[in-house]
PDB file of all heavy atoms in Angstrom:
ATOM      1  N   ASN A   1      86.842  85.491  43.099  1.00  0.00           N
ATOM      2  CA  ASN A   1      87.000  85.423  41.642  1.00  0.00           C
ATOM      3  C   ASN A   1      88.187  86.246  41.119  1.00  0.00           C
ATOM      4  O   ASN A   1      88.375  86.366  39.915  1.00  0.00           O
ATOM      5  CB  ASN A   1      85.714  85.874  40.941  1.00  0.00           C
ATOM      6  CG  ASN A   1      85.362  87.332  41.250  1.00  0.00           C
ATOM      7  OD1 ASN A   1      85.969  87.939  42.127  1.00  0.00           O
ATOM      8  ND2 ASN A   1      84.385  87.865  40.533  1.00  0.00           N
ATOM      9  N   HIS A   2      88.946  86.834  42.032  1.00  0.00           N
ATOM     10  CA  HIS A   2      90.106  87.626  41.598  1.00  0.00           C
ATOM     11  C   HIS A   2      91.191  86.684  41.083  1.00  0.00           C
ATOM     12  O   HIS A   2      91.502  85.677  41.718  1.00  0.00           O
ATOM     13  CB  HIS A   2      90.635  88.464  42.758  1.00  0.00           C
ATOM     14  CG  HIS A   2      91.503  89.605  42.308  1.00  0.00           C
ATOM     15  ND1 HIS A   2      90.998  90.844  41.993  1.00  0.00           N
ATOM     16  CD2 HIS A   2      92.843  89.681  42.091  1.00  0.00           C
ATOM     17  CE1 HIS A   2      91.983  91.648  41.625  1.00  0.00           C
ATOM     18  NE2 HIS A   2      93.122  90.955  41.680  1.00  0.00           N
ATOM     19  N   ILE A   3      91.782  87.013  39.934  1.00  0.00           N
ATOM     20  CA  ILE A   3      92.716  86.090  39.278  1.00  0.00           C
ATOM     21  C   ILE A   3      94.086  86.087  39.938  1.00  0.00           C
ATOM     22  O   ILE A   3      94.648  85.034  40.228  1.00  0.00           O
ATOM     23  CB  ILE A   3      92.869  86.438  37.778  1.00  0.00           C
ATOM     24  CG1 ILE A   3      91.507  86.445  37.091  1.00  0.00           C
ATOM     25  CG2 ILE A   3      93.797  85.447  37.082  1.00  0.00           C
ATOM     26  CD1 ILE A   3      91.531  86.999  35.667  1.00  0.00           C
ATOM     27  N   GLN A   4      94.647  87.270  40.175  1.00  0.00           N
ATOM     28  CA  GLN A   4      95.996  87.363  40.730  1.00  0.00           C
ATOM     29  C   GLN A   4      95.933  87.469  42.247  1.00  0.00           C
ATOM     30  O   GLN A   4      95.434  88.461  42.785  1.00  0.00           O
ATOM     31  CB  GLN A   4      96.714  88.590  40.165  1.00  0.00           C
ATOM     32  CG  GLN A   4      97.056  88.479  38.683  1.00  0.00           C
ATOM     33  CD  GLN A   4      97.744  89.744  38.180  1.00  0.00           C
ATOM     34  OE1 GLN A   4      97.100  90.770  38.027  1.00  0.00           O
ATOM     35  NE2 GLN A   4      99.034  89.659  37.913  1.00  0.00           N
ATOM     36  N   LYS A   5      96.450  86.474  42.941  1.00  0.00           N
ATOM     37  CA  LYS A   5      96.437  86.516  44.404  1.00  0.00           C
ATOM     38  C   LYS A   5      97.509  85.583  44.963  1.00  0.00           C
ATOM     39  O   LYS A   5      97.887  84.594  44.335  1.00  0.00           O
ATOM     40  CB  LYS A   5      95.055  86.167  44.954  1.00  0.00           C
ATOM     41  CG  LYS A   5      94.421  84.896  44.391  1.00  0.00           C
ATOM     42  CD  LYS A   5      92.947  84.827  44.779  1.00  0.00           C
ATOM     43  CE  LYS A   5      92.256  83.639  44.100  1.00  0.00           C
ATOM     44  NZ  LYS A   5      90.810  83.619  44.373  1.00  0.00           N
ATOM     45  N   TRP A   6      97.973  85.954  46.166  1.00  0.00           N
ATOM     46  CA  TRP A   6      99.057  85.236  46.819  1.00  0.00           C
ATOM     47  C   TRP A   6      98.739  85.100  48.307  1.00  0.00           C
ATOM     48  O   TRP A   6      97.999  85.909  48.881  1.00  0.00           O
ATOM     49  CB  TRP A   6     100.376  85.998  46.662  1.00  0.00           C
ATOM     50  CG  TRP A   6     100.872  86.093  45.265  1.00  0.00           C
ATOM     51  CD1 TRP A   6     101.784  85.275  44.649  1.00  0.00           C
ATOM     52  CD2 TRP A   6     100.512  87.068  44.271  1.00  0.00           C
ATOM     53  NE1 TRP A   6     102.002  85.682  43.349  1.00  0.00           N
ATOM     54  CE2 TRP A   6     101.233  86.770  43.090  1.00  0.00           C
ATOM     55  CE3 TRP A   6      99.628  88.159  44.263  1.00  0.00           C
ATOM     56  CZ2 TRP A   6     101.117  87.537  41.929  1.00  0.00           C
ATOM     57  CZ3 TRP A   6      99.506  88.915  43.121  1.00  0.00           C
ATOM     58  CH2 TRP A   6     100.245  88.603  41.968  1.00  0.00           C
ATOM     59  N   ASP A   7      99.328  84.082  48.936  1.00  0.00           N
ATOM     60  CA  ASP A   7      99.202  83.935  50.381  1.00  0.00           C
ATOM     61  C   ASP A   7      99.976  85.037  51.088  1.00  0.00           C
ATOM     62  O   ASP A   7     101.029  85.485  50.608  1.00  0.00           O
ATOM     63  CB  ASP A   7      99.760  82.577  50.832  1.00  0.00           C
ATOM     64  CG  ASP A   7      98.864  81.420  50.407  1.00  0.00           C
ATOM     65  OD1 ASP A   7      97.644  81.629  50.276  1.00  0.00           O
ATOM     66  OD2 ASP A   7      99.400  80.310  50.207  1.00  0.00           O
ATOM     67  N   SER A   8      99.457  85.474  52.213  1.00  0.00           N
ATOM     68  CA  SER A   8     100.152  86.461  53.034  1.00  0.00           C
ATOM     69  C   SER A   8      99.742  86.246  54.485  1.00  0.00           C
ATOM     70  O   SER A   8      98.768  85.520  54.751  1.00  0.00           O
ATOM     71  CB  SER A   8      99.776  87.879  52.581  1.00  0.00           C
ATOM     72  OG  SER A   8      98.541  88.276  53.157  1.00  0.00           O
ATOM     73  N   PRO A   9     100.423  86.876  55.431  1.00  0.00           N
ATOM     74  CA  PRO A   9     100.019  86.740  56.844  1.00  0.00           C
ATOM     75  C   PRO A   9      98.638  87.304  57.132  1.00  0.00           C
ATOM     76  O   PRO A   9      98.053  87.001  58.166  1.00  0.00           O
ATOM     77  CB  PRO A   9     101.092  87.542  57.595  1.00  0.00           C
ATOM     78  CG  PRO A   9     102.269  87.583  56.677  1.00  0.00           C
ATOM     79  CD  PRO A   9     101.690  87.612  55.298  1.00  0.00           C
ATOM     80  N   TRP A  10      98.093  88.114  56.201  1.00  0.00           N
ATOM     81  CA  TRP A  10      96.813  88.782  56.446  1.00  0.00           C
ATOM     82  C   TRP A  10      95.684  88.199  55.606  1.00  0.00           C
ATOM     83  O   TRP A  10      94.574  88.716  55.602  1.00  0.00           O
ATOM     84  CB  TRP A  10      96.978  90.277  56.139  1.00  0.00           C
ATOM     85  CG  TRP A  10      98.269  90.769  56.710  1.00  0.00           C
ATOM     86  CD1 TRP A  10      98.559  90.983  58.030  1.00  0.00           C
ATOM     87  CD2 TRP A  10      99.467  91.005  55.980  1.00  0.00           C
ATOM     88  NE1 TRP A  10      99.866  91.357  58.166  1.00  0.00           N
ATOM     89  CE2 TRP A  10     100.458  91.385  56.928  1.00  0.00           C
ATOM     90  CE3 TRP A  10      99.833  90.951  54.638  1.00  0.00           C
ATOM     91  CZ2 TRP A  10     101.768  91.696  56.571  1.00  0.00           C
ATOM     92  CZ3 TRP A  10     101.131  91.264  54.259  1.00  0.00           C
ATOM     93  CH2 TRP A  10     102.083  91.623  55.225  1.00  0.00           C
ATOM     94  N   GLY A  11      95.998  87.142  54.882  1.00  0.00           N
ATOM     95  CA  GLY A  11      95.010  86.511  54.037  1.00  0.00           C
ATOM     96  C   GLY A  11      95.434  86.496  52.584  1.00  0.00           C
ATOM     97  O   GLY A  11      96.372  87.195  52.172  1.00  0.00           O
ATOM     98  N   VAL A  12      94.753  85.698  51.782  1.00  0.00           N
ATOM     99  CA  VAL A  12      95.074  85.601  50.352  1.00  0.00           C
ATOM    100  C   VAL A  12      94.685  86.910  49.674  1.00  0.00           C
ATOM    101  O   VAL A  12      93.563  87.405  49.833  1.00  0.00           O
ATOM    102  CB  VAL A  12      94.322  84.417  49.704  1.00  0.00           C
ATOM    103  CG1 VAL A  12      94.572  84.392  48.202  1.00  0.00           C
ATOM    104  CG2 VAL A  12      94.753  83.110  50.346  1.00  0.00           C
ATOM    105  N   GLY A  13      95.618  87.479  48.924  1.00  0.00           N
ATOM    106  CA  GLY A  13      95.332  88.755  48.294  1.00  0.00           C
ATOM    107  C   GLY A  13      96.424  89.195  47.350  1.00  0.00           C
ATOM    108  O   GLY A  13      97.166  88.360  46.813  1.00  0.00           O
ATOM    109  N   TYR A  14      96.543  90.505  47.186  1.00  0.00           N
ATOM    110  CA  TYR A  14      97.525  91.057  46.256  1.00  0.00           C
ATOM    111  C   TYR A  14      97.938  92.456  46.741  1.00  0.00           C
ATOM    112  O   TYR A  14      97.210  93.092  47.519  1.00  0.00           O
ATOM    113  CB  TYR A  14      96.962  91.109  44.834  1.00  0.00           C
ATOM    114  CG  TYR A  14      95.679  91.896  44.683  1.00  0.00           C
ATOM    115  CD1 TYR A  14      95.683  93.231  44.274  1.00  0.00           C
ATOM    116  CD2 TYR A  14      94.443  91.302  44.951  1.00  0.00           C
ATOM    117  CE1 TYR A  14      94.512  93.949  44.125  1.00  0.00           C
ATOM    118  CE2 TYR A  14      93.256  92.013  44.816  1.00  0.00           C
ATOM    119  CZ  TYR A  14      93.300  93.336  44.396  1.00  0.00           C
ATOM    120  OH  TYR A  14      92.131  94.052  44.263  1.00  0.00           O
ATOM    121  N   PRO A  15      99.092  92.939  46.291  1.00  0.00           N
ATOM    122  CA  PRO A  15      99.580  94.217  46.802  1.00  0.00           C
ATOM    123  C   PRO A  15      98.825  95.400  46.224  1.00  0.00           C
ATOM    124  O   PRO A  15      98.322  95.354  45.101  1.00  0.00           O
ATOM    125  CB  PRO A  15     101.043  94.246  46.346  1.00  0.00           C
ATOM    126  CG  PRO A  15     101.074  93.372  45.139  1.00  0.00           C
ATOM    127  CD  PRO A  15     100.052  92.294  45.388  1.00  0.00           C
ATOM    128  N   GLY A  16      98.753  96.481  47.000  1.00  0.00           N
ATOM    129  CA  GLY A  16      98.309  97.754  46.445  1.00  0.00           C
ATOM    130  C   GLY A  16      99.358  98.256  45.472  1.00  0.00           C
ATOM    131  O   GLY A  16     100.505  97.798  45.460  1.00  0.00           O
ATOM    132  N   TRP A  17      98.966  99.221  44.656  1.00  0.00           N
ATOM    133  CA  TRP A  17      99.878  99.732  43.625  1.00  0.00           C
ATOM    134  C   TRP A  17     101.087 100.440  44.227  1.00  0.00           C
ATOM    135  O   TRP A  17     102.227 100.233  43.810  1.00  0.00           O
ATOM    136  CB  TRP A  17      99.099 100.674  42.706  1.00  0.00           C
ATOM    137  CG  TRP A  17      99.929 101.420  41.702  1.00  0.00           C
ATOM    138  CD1 TRP A  17     101.001 100.933  40.991  1.00  0.00           C
ATOM    139  CD2 TRP A  17      99.759 102.769  41.279  1.00  0.00           C
ATOM    140  NE1 TRP A  17     101.503 101.894  40.152  1.00  0.00           N
ATOM    141  CE2 TRP A  17     100.750 103.048  40.313  1.00  0.00           C
ATOM    142  CE3 TRP A  17      98.857 103.771  41.612  1.00  0.00           C
ATOM    143  CZ2 TRP A  17     100.867 104.280  39.682  1.00  0.00           C
ATOM    144  CZ3 TRP A  17      98.966 105.000  40.979  1.00  0.00           C
ATOM    145  CH2 TRP A  17      99.963 105.250  40.030  1.00  0.00           C
ATOM    146  N   HIS A  18     100.852 101.276  45.242  1.00  0.00           N
ATOM    147  CA  HIS A  18     101.906 102.164  45.737  1.00  0.00           C
ATOM    148  C   HIS A  18     103.063 101.403  46.379  1.00  0.00           C
ATOM    149  O   HIS A  18     104.212 101.809  46.277  1.00  0.00           O
ATOM    150  CB  HIS A  18     101.317 103.161  46.730  1.00  0.00           C
ATOM    151  CG  HIS A  18     100.035 103.751  46.263  1.00  0.00           C
ATOM    152  ND1 HIS A  18      99.947 104.551  45.142  1.00  0.00           N
ATOM    153  CD2 HIS A  18      98.761 103.627  46.746  1.00  0.00           C
ATOM    154  CE1 HIS A  18      98.680 104.903  44.956  1.00  0.00           C
ATOM    155  NE2 HIS A  18      97.948 104.356  45.911  1.00  0.00           N
ATOM    156  N   ILE A  19     102.758 100.289  47.032  1.00  0.00           N
ATOM    157  CA  ILE A  19     103.776  99.574  47.809  1.00  0.00           C
ATOM    158  C   ILE A  19     104.853  98.962  46.920  1.00  0.00           C
ATOM    159  O   ILE A  19     105.993  98.786  47.330  1.00  0.00           O
ATOM    160  CB  ILE A  19     103.107  98.492  48.703  1.00  0.00           C
ATOM    161  CG1 ILE A  19     104.084  97.971  49.749  1.00  0.00           C
ATOM    162  CG2 ILE A  19     102.545  97.352  47.864  1.00  0.00           C
ATOM    163  CD1 ILE A  19     104.464  98.994  50.797  1.00  0.00           C
ATOM    164  N   GLU A  20     104.500  98.644  45.649  1.00  0.00           N
ATOM    165  CA  GLU A  20     105.483  97.963  44.799  1.00  0.00           C
ATOM    166  C   GLU A  20     106.726  98.813  44.572  1.00  0.00           C
ATOM    167  O   GLU A  20     107.854  98.306  44.594  1.00  0.00           O
ATOM    168  CB  GLU A  20     104.877  97.556  43.454  1.00  0.00           C
ATOM    169  CG  GLU A  20     104.600  98.702  42.511  1.00  0.00           C
ATOM    170  CD  GLU A  20     104.074  98.242  41.154  1.00  0.00           C
ATOM    171  OE1 GLU A  20     102.862  97.978  41.038  1.00  0.00           O
ATOM    172  OE2 GLU A  20     104.879  98.167  40.224  1.00  0.00           O
ATOM    173  N   CYS A  21     106.537 100.124  44.341  1.00  0.00           N
ATOM    174  CA  CYS A  21     107.703 100.964  44.059  1.00  0.00           C
ATOM    175  C   CYS A  21     108.605 101.088  45.272  1.00  0.00           C
ATOM    176  O   CYS A  21     109.843 101.081  45.144  1.00  0.00           O
ATOM    177  CB  CYS A  21     107.255 102.342  43.576  1.00  0.00           C
ATOM    178  SG  CYS A  21     106.585 102.324  41.895  1.00  0.00           S
ATOM    179  N   SER A  22     108.026 101.181  46.463  1.00  0.00           N
ATOM    180  CA  SER A  22     108.838 101.244  47.676  1.00  0.00           C
ATOM    181  C   SER A  22     109.619  99.957  47.877  1.00  0.00           C
ATOM    182  O   SER A  22     110.813  99.980  48.208  1.00  0.00           O
ATOM    183  CB  SER A  22     107.954 101.523  48.896  1.00  0.00           C
ATOM    184  OG  SER A  22     107.451 102.845  48.863  1.00  0.00           O
ATOM    185  N   ALA A  23     108.965  98.826  47.680  1.00  0.00           N
ATOM    186  CA  ALA A  23     109.635  97.538  47.890  1.00  0.00           C
ATOM    187  C   ALA A  23     110.716  97.290  46.842  1.00  0.00           C
ATOM    188  O   ALA A  23     111.814  96.805  47.161  1.00  0.00           O
ATOM    189  CB  ALA A  23     108.601  96.408  47.869  1.00  0.00           C
ATOM    190  N   ILE A  24     110.422  97.626  45.590  1.00  0.00           N
ATOM    191  CA  ILE A  24     111.408  97.425  44.514  1.00  0.00           C
ATOM    192  C   ILE A  24     112.593  98.371  44.701  1.00  0.00           C
ATOM    193  O   ILE A  24     113.757  97.970  44.552  1.00  0.00           O
ATOM    194  CB  ILE A  24     110.741  97.613  43.137  1.00  0.00           C
ATOM    195  CG1 ILE A  24     109.760  96.471  42.862  1.00  0.00           C
ATOM    196  CG2 ILE A  24     111.794  97.675  42.017  1.00  0.00           C
ATOM    197  CD1 ILE A  24     108.868  96.695  41.651  1.00  0.00           C
ATOM    198  N   GLY A  25     112.309  99.627  45.039  1.00  0.00           N
ATOM    199  CA  GLY A  25     113.390 100.569  45.294  1.00  0.00           C
ATOM    200  C   GLY A  25     114.278 100.107  46.421  1.00  0.00           C
ATOM    201  O   GLY A  25     115.516 100.166  46.339  1.00  0.00           O
ATOM    202  N   ASN A  26     113.671  99.615  47.495  1.00  0.00           N
ATOM    203  CA  ASN A  26     114.435  99.137  48.646  1.00  0.00           C
ATOM    204  C   ASN A  26     115.292  97.927  48.281  1.00  0.00           C
ATOM    205  O   ASN A  26     116.448  97.808  48.726  1.00  0.00           O
ATOM    206  CB  ASN A  26     113.479  98.802  49.790  1.00  0.00           C
ATOM    207  CG  ASN A  26     114.200  98.401  51.058  1.00  0.00           C
ATOM    208  OD1 ASN A  26     114.383  97.221  51.336  1.00  0.00           O
ATOM    209  ND2 ASN A  26     114.612  99.398  51.840  1.00  0.00           N
ATOM    210  N   LYS A  27     114.748  97.048  47.450  1.00  0.00           N
ATOM    211  CA  LYS A  27     115.486  95.833  47.087  1.00  0.00           C
ATOM    212  C   LYS A  27     116.755  96.164  46.305  1.00  0.00           C
ATOM    213  O   LYS A  27     117.821  95.586  46.569  1.00  0.00           O
ATOM    214  CB  LYS A  27     114.595  94.905  46.254  1.00  0.00           C
ATOM    215  CG  LYS A  27     115.338  93.670  45.750  1.00  0.00           C
ATOM    216  CD  LYS A  27     114.423  92.690  45.037  1.00  0.00           C
ATOM    217  CE  LYS A  27     115.245  91.467  44.578  1.00  0.00           C
ATOM    218  NZ  LYS A  27     114.389  90.422  43.985  1.00  0.00           N
ATOM    219  N   PHE A  28     116.662  97.075  45.349  1.00  0.00           N
ATOM    220  CA  PHE A  28     117.785  97.325  44.450  1.00  0.00           C
ATOM    221  C   PHE A  28     118.627  98.547  44.829  1.00  0.00           C
ATOM    222  O   PHE A  28     119.805  98.616  44.455  1.00  0.00           O
ATOM    223  CB  PHE A  28     117.281  97.489  43.012  1.00  0.00           C
ATOM    224  CG  PHE A  28     116.712  96.230  42.431  1.00  0.00           C
ATOM    225  CD1 PHE A  28     115.341  96.061  42.314  1.00  0.00           C
ATOM    226  CD2 PHE A  28     117.543  95.199  42.010  1.00  0.00           C
ATOM    227  CE1 PHE A  28     114.808  94.901  41.775  1.00  0.00           C
ATOM    228  CE2 PHE A  28     117.022  94.030  41.475  1.00  0.00           C
ATOM    229  CZ  PHE A  28     115.648  93.876  41.362  1.00  0.00           C
ATOM    230  N   LEU A  29     118.052  99.490  45.560  1.00  0.00           N
ATOM    231  CA  LEU A  29     118.770 100.729  45.864  1.00  0.00           C
ATOM    232  C   LEU A  29     119.000 100.938  47.359  1.00  0.00           C
ATOM    233  O   LEU A  29     119.736 101.852  47.742  1.00  0.00           O
ATOM    234  CB  LEU A  29     118.009 101.935  45.297  1.00  0.00           C
ATOM    235  CG  LEU A  29     117.750 101.919  43.786  1.00  0.00           C
ATOM    236  CD1 LEU A  29     116.912 103.127  43.375  1.00  0.00           C
ATOM    237  CD2 LEU A  29     119.057 101.880  42.998  1.00  0.00           C
ATOM    238  N   GLY A  30     118.361 100.111  48.192  1.00  0.00           N
ATOM    239  CA  GLY A  30     118.548 100.249  49.627  1.00  0.00           C
ATOM    240  C   GLY A  30     117.757 101.416  50.194  1.00  0.00           C
ATOM    241  O   GLY A  30     116.696 101.779  49.678  1.00  0.00           O
ATOM    242  N   GLU A  31     118.287 102.029  51.243  1.00  0.00           N
ATOM    243  CA  GLU A  31     117.552 103.058  51.980  1.00  0.00           C
ATOM    244  C   GLU A  31     117.949 104.475  51.590  1.00  0.00           C
ATOM    245  O   GLU A  31     117.604 105.428  52.293  1.00  0.00           O
ATOM    246  CB  GLU A  31     117.731 102.845  53.485  1.00  0.00           C
ATOM    247  CG  GLU A  31     117.119 101.539  53.971  1.00  0.00           C
ATOM    248  CD  GLU A  31     117.101 101.418  55.488  1.00  0.00           C
ATOM    249  OE1 GLU A  31     117.501 102.391  56.167  1.00  0.00           O
ATOM    250  OE2 GLU A  31     116.682 100.357  55.983  1.00  0.00           O
ATOM    251  N   HIS A  32     118.667 104.626  50.471  1.00  0.00           N
ATOM    252  CA  HIS A  32     119.015 105.966  49.991  1.00  0.00           C
ATOM    253  C   HIS A  32     118.824 106.020  48.481  1.00  0.00           C
ATOM    254  O   HIS A  32     119.467 105.275  47.731  1.00  0.00           O
ATOM    255  CB  HIS A  32     120.460 106.321  50.334  1.00  0.00           C
ATOM    256  CG  HIS A  32     120.904 107.616  49.715  1.00  0.00           C
ATOM    257  ND1 HIS A  32     120.593 108.837  50.273  1.00  0.00           N
ATOM    258  CD2 HIS A  32     121.597 107.889  48.578  1.00  0.00           C
ATOM    259  CE1 HIS A  32     121.097 109.794  49.517  1.00  0.00           C
ATOM    260  NE2 HIS A  32     121.704 109.246  48.476  1.00  0.00           N
ATOM    261  N   ILE A  33     117.936 106.906  48.017  1.00  0.00           N
ATOM    262  CA  ILE A  33     117.690 107.110  46.591  1.00  0.00           C
ATOM    263  C   ILE A  33     117.958 108.578  46.285  1.00  0.00           C
ATOM    264  O   ILE A  33     117.376 109.470  46.904  1.00  0.00           O
ATOM    265  CB  ILE A  33     116.241 106.728  46.211  1.00  0.00           C
ATOM    266  CG1 ILE A  33     116.002 105.236  46.488  1.00  0.00           C
ATOM    267  CG2 ILE A  33     115.954 107.047  44.745  1.00  0.00           C
ATOM    268  CD1 ILE A  33     114.555 104.789  46.289  1.00  0.00           C
ATOM    269  N   ASP A  34     118.859 108.835  45.338  1.00  0.00           N
ATOM    270  CA  ASP A  34     119.223 110.213  45.003  1.00  0.00           C
ATOM    271  C   ASP A  34     118.143 110.909  44.185  1.00  0.00           C
ATOM    272  O   ASP A  34     117.818 112.074  44.435  1.00  0.00           O
ATOM    273  CB  ASP A  34     120.543 110.229  44.215  1.00  0.00           C
ATOM    274  CG  ASP A  34     121.694 109.687  45.024  1.00  0.00           C
ATOM    275  OD1 ASP A  34     122.129 110.363  45.963  1.00  0.00           O
ATOM    276  OD2 ASP A  34     122.155 108.556  44.726  1.00  0.00           O
ATOM    277  N   LEU A  35     117.606 110.203  43.195  1.00  0.00           N
ATOM    278  CA  LEU A  35     116.628 110.781  42.270  1.00  0.00           C
ATOM    279  C   LEU A  35     115.455 109.828  42.103  1.00  0.00           C
ATOM    280  O   LEU A  35     115.660 108.633  41.879  1.00  0.00           O
ATOM    281  CB  LEU A  35     117.257 110.997  40.892  1.00  0.00           C
ATOM    282  CG  LEU A  35     118.153 112.201  40.658  1.00  0.00           C
ATOM    283  CD1 LEU A  35     118.827 112.062  39.301  1.00  0.00           C
ATOM    284  CD2 LEU A  35     117.350 113.486  40.714  1.00  0.00           C
ATOM    285  N   HIS A  36     114.257 110.351  42.204  1.00  0.00           N
ATOM    286  CA  HIS A  36     113.052 109.544  41.946  1.00  0.00           C
ATOM    287  C   HIS A  36     112.143 110.376  41.057  1.00  0.00           C
ATOM    288  O   HIS A  36     111.794 111.509  41.384  1.00  0.00           O
ATOM    289  CB  HIS A  36     112.351 109.217  43.253  1.00  0.00           C
ATOM    290  CG  HIS A  36     111.267 108.171  43.138  1.00  0.00           C
ATOM    291  ND1 HIS A  36     110.316 108.180  42.134  1.00  0.00           N
ATOM    292  CD2 HIS A  36     110.997 107.074  43.892  1.00  0.00           C
ATOM    293  CE1 HIS A  36     109.508 107.149  42.287  1.00  0.00           C
ATOM    294  NE2 HIS A  36     109.889 106.461  43.339  1.00  0.00           N
ATOM    295  N   GLY A  37     111.753 109.817  39.913  1.00  0.00           N
ATOM    296  CA  GLY A  37     110.955 110.564  38.964  1.00  0.00           C
ATOM    297  C   GLY A  37     109.715 109.834  38.498  1.00  0.00           C
ATOM    298  O   GLY A  37     109.564 108.626  38.700  1.00  0.00           O
ATOM    299  N   GLY A  38     108.846 110.610  37.848  1.00  0.00           N
ATOM    300  CA  GLY A  38     107.634 110.056  37.266  1.00  0.00           C
ATOM    301  C   GLY A  38     106.759 111.181  36.739  1.00  0.00           C
ATOM    302  O   GLY A  38     107.132 112.362  36.801  1.00  0.00           O
ATOM    303  N   GLY A  39     105.610 110.820  36.220  1.00  0.00           N
ATOM    304  CA  GLY A  39     104.688 111.799  35.671  1.00  0.00           C
ATOM    305  C   GLY A  39     104.075 112.674  36.744  1.00  0.00           C
ATOM    306  O   GLY A  39     103.968 112.274  37.911  1.00  0.00           O
ATOM    307  N   ILE A  40     103.643 113.862  36.349  1.00  0.00           N
ATOM    308  CA  ILE A  40     103.052 114.810  37.287  1.00  0.00           C
ATOM    309  C   ILE A  40     101.810 114.233  37.950  1.00  0.00           C
ATOM    310  O   ILE A  40     101.457 114.606  39.078  1.00  0.00           O
ATOM    311  CB  ILE A  40     102.721 116.145  36.562  1.00  0.00           C
ATOM    312  CG1 ILE A  40     102.406 117.259  37.554  1.00  0.00           C
ATOM    313  CG2 ILE A  40     101.592 115.963  35.549  1.00  0.00           C
ATOM    314  CD1 ILE A  40     103.574 117.741  38.345  1.00  0.00           C
TER     315      ILE A  40
END
């Protein structure tokens, strides 16, 4: 009954929260990030 889901090699599902920032950072900034910020 989960609304948001996608096919993957491990089954139909969705990403955990933490992985999105790593993947997005890698896509646009590559393997070197000078500054990374956020709330405490």
